[in-house]
Amino acid sequence: MAVSGRGPRERMVFSAAQLIRRDGVAATGMREVATHAAAPRGSLQHYFPGGKEQLVNEAVGWAGRYAGNRVARFLAALDEPTPSGLFAGMVRQWTDEYEAVGFAGGCPVAAATVDCAESIESTREAAAAAFATWTGPVTGALVDMGVPKERAGALATLMISALEGAILMARAERDVRPLTTVAAELGPLLDGAVSRAG
């Protein structure tokens, strides 16, 4: 997730996502985004004529794509892909972060949803699209591992919902326990959904 090597527009979207995941939408100002991105302040209006709302929505979209793209990386790291192994990888990303640098950051999509879902329709739509962008690859991975199609989407929703809730609880408690708990408890359920037929 390094900022270097990106143009100013991409750096600002990335920086907005990082600040939103730490501070929420309301506390993330355009000036802070420009400073974090090492971008000229005047470039904000050039790249984001829709202002903060456009920038937030693009940051939320970036976060959804990032989460969706990580699914393939989690699977590639497994000797034998299983639903529980995928979920453990999703969880481990957060436990590793929290154990390494603390509990300051959460999911930018969740933060934007909490802050804006009732007040800014375009951000609610961006968040819904971001969750769909993440759920799709999880669903596809489950199907590829033998989970029946009619159940895979529901289990992907369960996995992401459990992870998001555990992230919130872990930040509140300053402890990875909620994350490790959901991985341990959901693992057998997820693996039990794999069809043994054929």
C-alpha atoms as a PDB file:
ATOM      1  CA  MET A   1       0.000   0.000   0.000  1.00  0.00           C
ATOM      2  CA  ALA A   2       3.005   2.309  -0.469  1.00  0.00           C
ATOM      3  CA  VAL A   3       2.295   5.795  -1.737  1.00  0.00           C
ATOM      4  CA  SER A   4       5.468   6.196  -3.815  1.00  0.00           C
ATOM      5  CA  GLY A   5       5.254   5.537  -7.526  1.00  0.00           C
ATOM      6  CA  ARG A   6       1.718   6.838  -7.821  1.00  0.00           C
ATOM      7  CA  GLY A   7       0.606  10.060  -9.442  1.00  0.00           C
ATOM      8  CA  PRO A   8      -0.869  12.852  -7.301  1.00  0.00           C
ATOM      9  CA  ARG A   9      -4.471  11.819  -7.951  1.00  0.00           C
ATOM     10  CA  GLU A  10      -3.873   8.205  -6.925  1.00  0.00           C
ATOM     11  CA  ARG A  11      -1.873   9.337  -3.904  1.00  0.00           C
ATOM     12  CA  MET A  12      -4.741  11.543  -2.754  1.00  0.00           C
ATOM     13  CA  VAL A  13      -7.305   8.722  -3.081  1.00  0.00           C
ATOM     14  CA  PHE A  14      -4.993   6.386  -1.172  1.00  0.00           C
ATOM     15  CA  SER A  15      -4.294   9.027   1.482  1.00  0.00           C
ATOM     16  CA  ALA A  16      -7.993   9.768   1.894  1.00  0.00           C
ATOM     17  CA  ALA A  17      -8.634   6.052   2.493  1.00  0.00           C
ATOM     18  CA  GLN A  18      -5.850   5.904   5.089  1.00  0.00           C
ATOM     19  CA  LEU A  19      -7.081   9.002   6.946  1.00  0.00           C
ATOM     20  CA  ILE A  20     -10.724   7.896   6.829  1.00  0.00           C
ATOM     21  CA  ARG A  21      -9.830   4.480   8.247  1.00  0.00           C
ATOM     22  CA  ARG A  22      -8.054   6.193  11.133  1.00  0.00           C
ATOM     23  CA  ASP A  23     -10.158   9.300  11.807  1.00  0.00           C
ATOM     24  CA  GLY A  24     -13.480   8.881  10.007  1.00  0.00           C
ATOM     25  CA  VAL A  25     -14.928  11.037   7.254  1.00  0.00           C
ATOM     26  CA  ALA A  26     -15.862  14.086   9.329  1.00  0.00           C
ATOM     27  CA  ALA A  27     -12.365  14.479  10.774  1.00  0.00           C
ATOM     28  CA  THR A  28     -10.615  13.962   7.431  1.00  0.00           C
ATOM     29  CA  GLY A  29     -10.055  17.326   5.790  1.00  0.00           C
ATOM     30  CA  MET A  30      -8.994  18.050   2.243  1.00  0.00           C
ATOM     31  CA  ARG A  31      -5.871  19.856   3.431  1.00  0.00           C
ATOM     32  CA  GLU A  32      -4.848  16.861   5.530  1.00  0.00           C
ATOM     33  CA  VAL A  33      -5.311  14.602   2.517  1.00  0.00           C
ATOM     34  CA  ALA A  34      -3.115  16.835   0.342  1.00  0.00           C
ATOM     35  CA  THR A  35      -0.432  16.955   3.031  1.00  0.00           C
ATOM     36  CA  HIS A  36      -0.543  13.189   3.623  1.00  0.00           C
ATOM     37  CA  ALA A  37      -0.297  12.596  -0.158  1.00  0.00           C
ATOM     38  CA  ALA A  38       2.505  15.158  -0.592  1.00  0.00           C
ATOM     39  CA  ALA A  39       0.372  16.747  -3.293  1.00  0.00           C
ATOM     40  CA  PRO A  40      -0.140  20.426  -4.076  1.00  0.00           C
ATOM     41  CA  ARG A  41      -3.259  21.686  -2.329  1.00  0.00           C
ATOM     42  CA  GLY A  42      -4.501  23.284  -5.532  1.00  0.00           C
ATOM     43  CA  SER A  43      -4.550  19.907  -7.243  1.00  0.00           C
ATOM     44  CA  LEU A  44      -7.495  18.795  -5.096  1.00  0.00           C
ATOM     45  CA  GLN A  45      -9.975  20.951  -7.012  1.00  0.00           C
ATOM     46  CA  HIS A  46      -8.407  19.908 -10.302  1.00  0.00           C
ATOM     47  CA  TYR A  47      -8.697  16.179  -9.650  1.00  0.00           C
ATOM     48  CA  PHE A  48     -11.817  16.241  -7.486  1.00  0.00           C
ATOM     49  CA  PRO A  49     -14.187  18.925  -8.802  1.00  0.00           C
ATOM     50  CA  GLY A  50     -16.932  17.264  -6.741  1.00  0.00           C
ATOM     51  CA  GLY A  51     -14.996  18.179  -3.602  1.00  0.00           C
ATOM     52  CA  LYS A  52     -14.722  16.083  -0.490  1.00  0.00           C
ATOM     53  CA  GLU A  53     -17.738  13.949  -1.365  1.00  0.00           C
ATOM     54  CA  GLN A  54     -16.112  12.807  -4.613  1.00  0.00           C
ATOM     55  CA  LEU A  55     -12.788  12.153  -2.884  1.00  0.00           C
ATOM     56  CA  VAL A  56     -14.430  10.139  -0.103  1.00  0.00           C
ATOM     57  CA  ASN A  57     -16.430   8.092  -2.598  1.00  0.00           C
ATOM     58  CA  GLU A  58     -13.323   7.329  -4.626  1.00  0.00           C
ATOM     59  CA  ALA A  59     -11.410   6.363  -1.480  1.00  0.00           C
ATOM     60  CA  VAL A  60     -14.238   4.016  -0.523  1.00  0.00           C
ATOM     61  CA  GLY A  61     -14.171   2.498  -4.009  1.00  0.00           C
ATOM     62  CA  TRP A  62     -10.406   2.048  -3.764  1.00  0.00           C
ATOM     63  CA  ALA A  63     -10.824   0.240  -0.436  1.00  0.00           C
ATOM     64  CA  GLY A  64     -13.399  -2.145  -1.889  1.00  0.00           C
ATOM     65  CA  ARG A  65     -11.121  -2.984  -4.812  1.00  0.00           C
ATOM     66  CA  TYR A  66      -8.158  -3.433  -2.483  1.00  0.00           C
ATOM     67  CA  ALA A  67     -10.095  -5.870  -0.277  1.00  0.00           C
ATOM     68  CA  GLY A  68     -11.431  -7.759  -3.288  1.00  0.00           C
ATOM     69  CA  ASN A  69      -7.976  -8.051  -4.845  1.00  0.00           C
ATOM     70  CA  ARG A  70      -6.520  -9.398  -1.607  1.00  0.00           C
ATOM     71  CA  VAL A  71      -8.683 -12.523  -1.836  1.00  0.00           C
ATOM     72  CA  ALA A  72      -6.485 -14.034  -4.567  1.00  0.00           C
ATOM     73  CA  ARG A  73      -3.367 -13.265  -2.521  1.00  0.00           C
ATOM     74  CA  PHE A  74      -4.781 -14.955   0.562  1.00  0.00           C
ATOM     75  CA  LEU A  75      -5.632 -18.043  -1.496  1.00  0.00           C
ATOM     76  CA  ALA A  76      -2.194 -18.114  -3.157  1.00  0.00           C
ATOM     77  CA  ALA A  77      -0.579 -18.243   0.290  1.00  0.00           C
ATOM     78  CA  LEU A  78      -2.441 -21.454   1.182  1.00  0.00           C
ATOM     79  CA  ASP A  79      -0.971 -24.873   0.417  1.00  0.00           C
ATOM     80  CA  GLU A  80      -4.503 -26.203   0.101  1.00  0.00           C
ATOM     81  CA  PRO A  81      -7.226 -23.560  -0.260  1.00  0.00           C
ATOM     82  CA  THR A  82     -10.101 -24.014   2.185  1.00  0.00           C
ATOM     83  CA  PRO A  83     -12.869 -21.635   3.224  1.00  0.00           C
ATOM     84  CA  SER A  84     -11.490 -21.523   6.771  1.00  0.00           C
ATOM     85  CA  GLY A  85      -7.996 -20.836   5.425  1.00  0.00           C
ATOM     86  CA  LEU A  86      -9.290 -17.949   3.315  1.00  0.00           C
ATOM     87  CA  PHE A  87     -11.118 -16.463   6.283  1.00  0.00           C
ATOM     88  CA  ALA A  88      -8.069 -16.941   8.510  1.00  0.00           C
ATOM     89  CA  GLY A  89      -6.020 -14.999   5.953  1.00  0.00           C
ATOM     90  CA  MET A  90      -8.581 -12.193   5.886  1.00  0.00           C
ATOM     91  CA  VAL A  91      -8.460 -12.028   9.679  1.00  0.00           C
ATOM     92  CA  ARG A  92      -4.673 -12.331   9.868  1.00  0.00           C
ATOM     93  CA  GLN A  93      -4.242  -9.181   7.794  1.00  0.00           C
ATOM     94  CA  TRP A  94      -5.861  -7.280  10.665  1.00  0.00           C
ATOM     95  CA  THR A  95      -4.284  -9.145  13.577  1.00  0.00           C
ATOM     96  CA  ASP A  96      -0.851  -8.622  12.001  1.00  0.00           C
ATOM     97  CA  GLU A  97      -1.511  -4.904  11.596  1.00  0.00           C
ATOM     98  CA  TYR A  98      -2.844  -4.453  15.102  1.00  0.00           C
ATOM     99  CA  GLU A  99      -0.009  -6.408  16.699  1.00  0.00           C
ATOM    100  CA  ALA A 100       2.586  -4.476  14.682  1.00  0.00           C
ATOM    101  CA  VAL A 101       1.343  -0.879  14.819  1.00  0.00           C
ATOM    102  CA  GLY A 102      -1.635  -0.714  17.165  1.00  0.00           C
ATOM    103  CA  PHE A 103      -5.357  -0.308  16.747  1.00  0.00           C
ATOM    104  CA  ALA A 104      -5.626   3.133  15.145  1.00  0.00           C
ATOM    105  CA  GLY A 105      -6.939   1.993  11.764  1.00  0.00           C
ATOM    106  CA  GLY A 106     -10.170   0.326  10.751  1.00  0.00           C
ATOM    107  CA  CYS A 107     -11.923  -0.304   7.469  1.00  0.00           C
ATOM    108  CA  PRO A 108     -12.469   2.901   5.453  1.00  0.00           C
ATOM    109  CA  VAL A 109     -15.664   1.492   3.935  1.00  0.00           C
ATOM    110  CA  ALA A 110     -17.114   0.853   7.390  1.00  0.00           C
ATOM    111  CA  ALA A 111     -16.032   4.310   8.583  1.00  0.00           C
ATOM    112  CA  ALA A 112     -17.670   6.004   5.610  1.00  0.00           C
ATOM    113  CA  THR A 113     -20.829   3.957   6.105  1.00  0.00           C
ATOM    114  CA  VAL A 114     -21.072   4.923   9.766  1.00  0.00           C
ATOM    115  CA  ASP A 115     -20.392   8.593   9.055  1.00  0.00           C
ATOM    116  CA  CYS A 116     -22.364   9.126   5.860  1.00  0.00           C
ATOM    117  CA  ALA A 117     -24.888   6.394   5.027  1.00  0.00           C
ATOM    118  CA  GLU A 118     -27.861   8.438   6.193  1.00  0.00           C
ATOM    119  CA  SER A 119     -26.649  11.861   5.124  1.00  0.00           C
ATOM    120  CA  ILE A 120     -24.871  11.438   1.784  1.00  0.00           C
ATOM    121  CA  GLU A 121     -26.580   9.113  -0.675  1.00  0.00           C
ATOM    122  CA  SER A 122     -23.632   8.921  -3.069  1.00  0.00           C
ATOM    123  CA  THR A 123     -21.347   7.752  -0.254  1.00  0.00           C
ATOM    124  CA  ARG A 124     -23.875   5.158   0.878  1.00  0.00           C
ATOM    125  CA  GLU A 125     -23.988   3.907  -2.716  1.00  0.00           C
ATOM    126  CA  ALA A 126     -20.174   3.912  -2.926  1.00  0.00           C
ATOM    127  CA  ALA A 127     -19.971   1.890   0.290  1.00  0.00           C
ATOM    128  CA  ALA A 128     -22.560  -0.616  -0.912  1.00  0.00           C
ATOM    129  CA  ALA A 129     -20.642  -0.982  -4.186  1.00  0.00           C
ATOM    130  CA  ALA A 130     -17.359  -1.411  -2.289  1.00  0.00           C
ATOM    131  CA  PHE A 131     -18.800  -4.200  -0.164  1.00  0.00           C
ATOM    132  CA  ALA A 132     -20.131  -5.860  -3.340  1.00  0.00           C
ATOM    133  CA  THR A 133     -16.687  -5.520  -4.941  1.00  0.00           C
ATOM    134  CA  TRP A 134     -15.250  -7.370  -1.946  1.00  0.00           C
ATOM    135  CA  THR A 135     -18.044  -9.934  -1.570  1.00  0.00           C
ATOM    136  CA  GLY A 136     -17.847 -11.007  -5.222  1.00  0.00           C
ATOM    137  CA  PRO A 137     -14.308 -12.465  -5.081  1.00  0.00           C
ATOM    138  CA  VAL A 138     -14.995 -14.118  -1.720  1.00  0.00           C
ATOM    139  CA  THR A 139     -18.127 -15.729  -3.164  1.00  0.00           C
ATOM    140  CA  GLY A 140     -16.231 -16.864  -6.249  1.00  0.00           C
ATOM    141  CA  ALA A 141     -13.444 -18.347  -4.140  1.00  0.00           C
ATOM    142  CA  LEU A 142     -15.931 -20.281  -2.027  1.00  0.00           C
ATOM    143  CA  VAL A 143     -17.586 -21.709  -5.137  1.00  0.00           C
ATOM    144  CA  ASP A 144     -14.165 -22.685  -6.518  1.00  0.00           C
ATOM    145  CA  MET A 145     -13.476 -24.536  -3.261  1.00  0.00           C
ATOM    146  CA  GLY A 146     -16.694 -26.546  -3.541  1.00  0.00           C
ATOM    147  CA  VAL A 147     -19.268 -24.470  -1.663  1.00  0.00           C
ATOM    148  CA  PRO A 148     -22.596 -24.681  -3.520  1.00  0.00           C
ATOM    149  CA  LYS A 149     -23.368 -21.490  -5.457  1.00  0.00           C
ATOM    150  CA  GLU A 150     -26.690 -21.047  -3.671  1.00  0.00           C
ATOM    151  CA  ARG A 151     -24.871 -20.845  -0.322  1.00  0.00           C
ATOM    152  CA  ALA A 152     -21.596 -19.129  -1.245  1.00  0.00           C
ATOM    153  CA  GLY A 153     -22.967 -15.592  -1.385  1.00  0.00           C
ATOM    154  CA  ALA A 154     -24.567 -15.887   2.043  1.00  0.00           C
ATOM    155  CA  LEU A 155     -21.350 -17.258   3.544  1.00  0.00           C
ATOM    156  CA  ALA A 156     -19.301 -14.466   1.930  1.00  0.00           C
ATOM    157  CA  THR A 157     -21.653 -11.963   3.558  1.00  0.00           C
ATOM    158  CA  LEU A 158     -21.252 -13.764   6.879  1.00  0.00           C
ATOM    159  CA  MET A 159     -17.450 -13.729   6.589  1.00  0.00           C
ATOM    160  CA  ILE A 160     -17.222 -10.034   5.775  1.00  0.00           C
ATOM    161  CA  SER A 161     -19.827  -9.059   8.364  1.00  0.00           C
ATOM    162  CA  ALA A 162     -18.081 -11.068  11.074  1.00  0.00           C
ATOM    163  CA  LEU A 163     -14.725  -9.583  10.118  1.00  0.00           C
ATOM    164  CA  GLU A 164     -16.044  -6.012  10.149  1.00  0.00           C
ATOM    165  CA  GLY A 165     -17.688  -6.508  13.531  1.00  0.00           C
ATOM    166  CA  ALA A 166     -14.549  -8.097  14.950  1.00  0.00           C
ATOM    167  CA  ILE A 167     -12.457  -5.171  13.669  1.00  0.00           C
ATOM    168  CA  LEU A 168     -14.707  -2.743  15.552  1.00  0.00           C
ATOM    169  CA  MET A 169     -14.591  -4.804  18.731  1.00  0.00           C
ATOM    170  CA  ALA A 170     -10.815  -5.272  18.503  1.00  0.00           C
ATOM    171  CA  ARG A 171     -10.322  -1.513  18.187  1.00  0.00           C
ATOM    172  CA  ALA A 172     -12.630  -0.857  21.120  1.00  0.00           C
ATOM    173  CA  GLU A 173     -10.963  -3.483  23.322  1.00  0.00           C
ATOM    174  CA  ARG A 174      -7.421  -2.850  22.054  1.00  0.00           C
ATOM    175  CA  ASP A 175      -7.149  -6.613  21.727  1.00  0.00           C
ATOM    176  CA  VAL A 176      -7.119  -9.019  18.763  1.00  0.00           C
ATOM    177  CA  ARG A 177      -9.327 -11.474  20.679  1.00  0.00           C
ATOM    178  CA  PRO A 178     -12.512 -10.724  18.693  1.00  0.00           C
ATOM    179  CA  LEU A 179     -10.643 -11.376  15.457  1.00  0.00           C
ATOM    180  CA  THR A 180      -9.097 -14.647  16.541  1.00  0.00           C
ATOM    181  CA  THR A 181     -12.452 -15.712  18.006  1.00  0.00           C
ATOM    182  CA  VAL A 182     -14.411 -15.241  14.776  1.00  0.00           C
ATOM    183  CA  ALA A 183     -11.718 -17.089  12.809  1.00  0.00           C
ATOM    184  CA  ALA A 184     -11.811 -20.039  15.193  1.00  0.00           C
ATOM    185  CA  GLU A 185     -15.598 -20.191  15.472  1.00  0.00           C
ATOM    186  CA  LEU A 186     -16.496 -19.676  11.818  1.00  0.00           C
ATOM    187  CA  GLY A 187     -13.762 -21.910  10.396  1.00  0.00           C
ATOM    188  CA  PRO A 188     -15.557 -25.240  10.940  1.00  0.00           C
ATOM    189  CA  LEU A 189     -18.869 -23.825   9.695  1.00  0.00           C
ATOM    190  CA  LEU A 190     -17.229 -22.543   6.510  1.00  0.00           C
ATOM    191  CA  ASP A 191     -15.393 -25.792   5.820  1.00  0.00           C
ATOM    192  CA  GLY A 192     -18.576 -27.743   6.554  1.00  0.00           C
ATOM    193  CA  ALA A 193     -20.260 -25.951   3.668  1.00  0.00           C
ATOM    194  CA  VAL A 194     -17.986 -27.566   1.093  1.00  0.00           C
ATOM    195  CA  SER A 195     -19.931 -30.121  -0.909  1.00  0.00           C
ATOM    196  CA  ARG A 196     -18.395 -33.598  -0.661  1.00  0.00           C
ATOM    197  CA  ALA A 197     -20.300 -34.812  -3.707  1.00  0.00           C
ATOM    198  CA  GLY A 198     -18.314 -35.697  -6.807  1.00  0.00           C
END
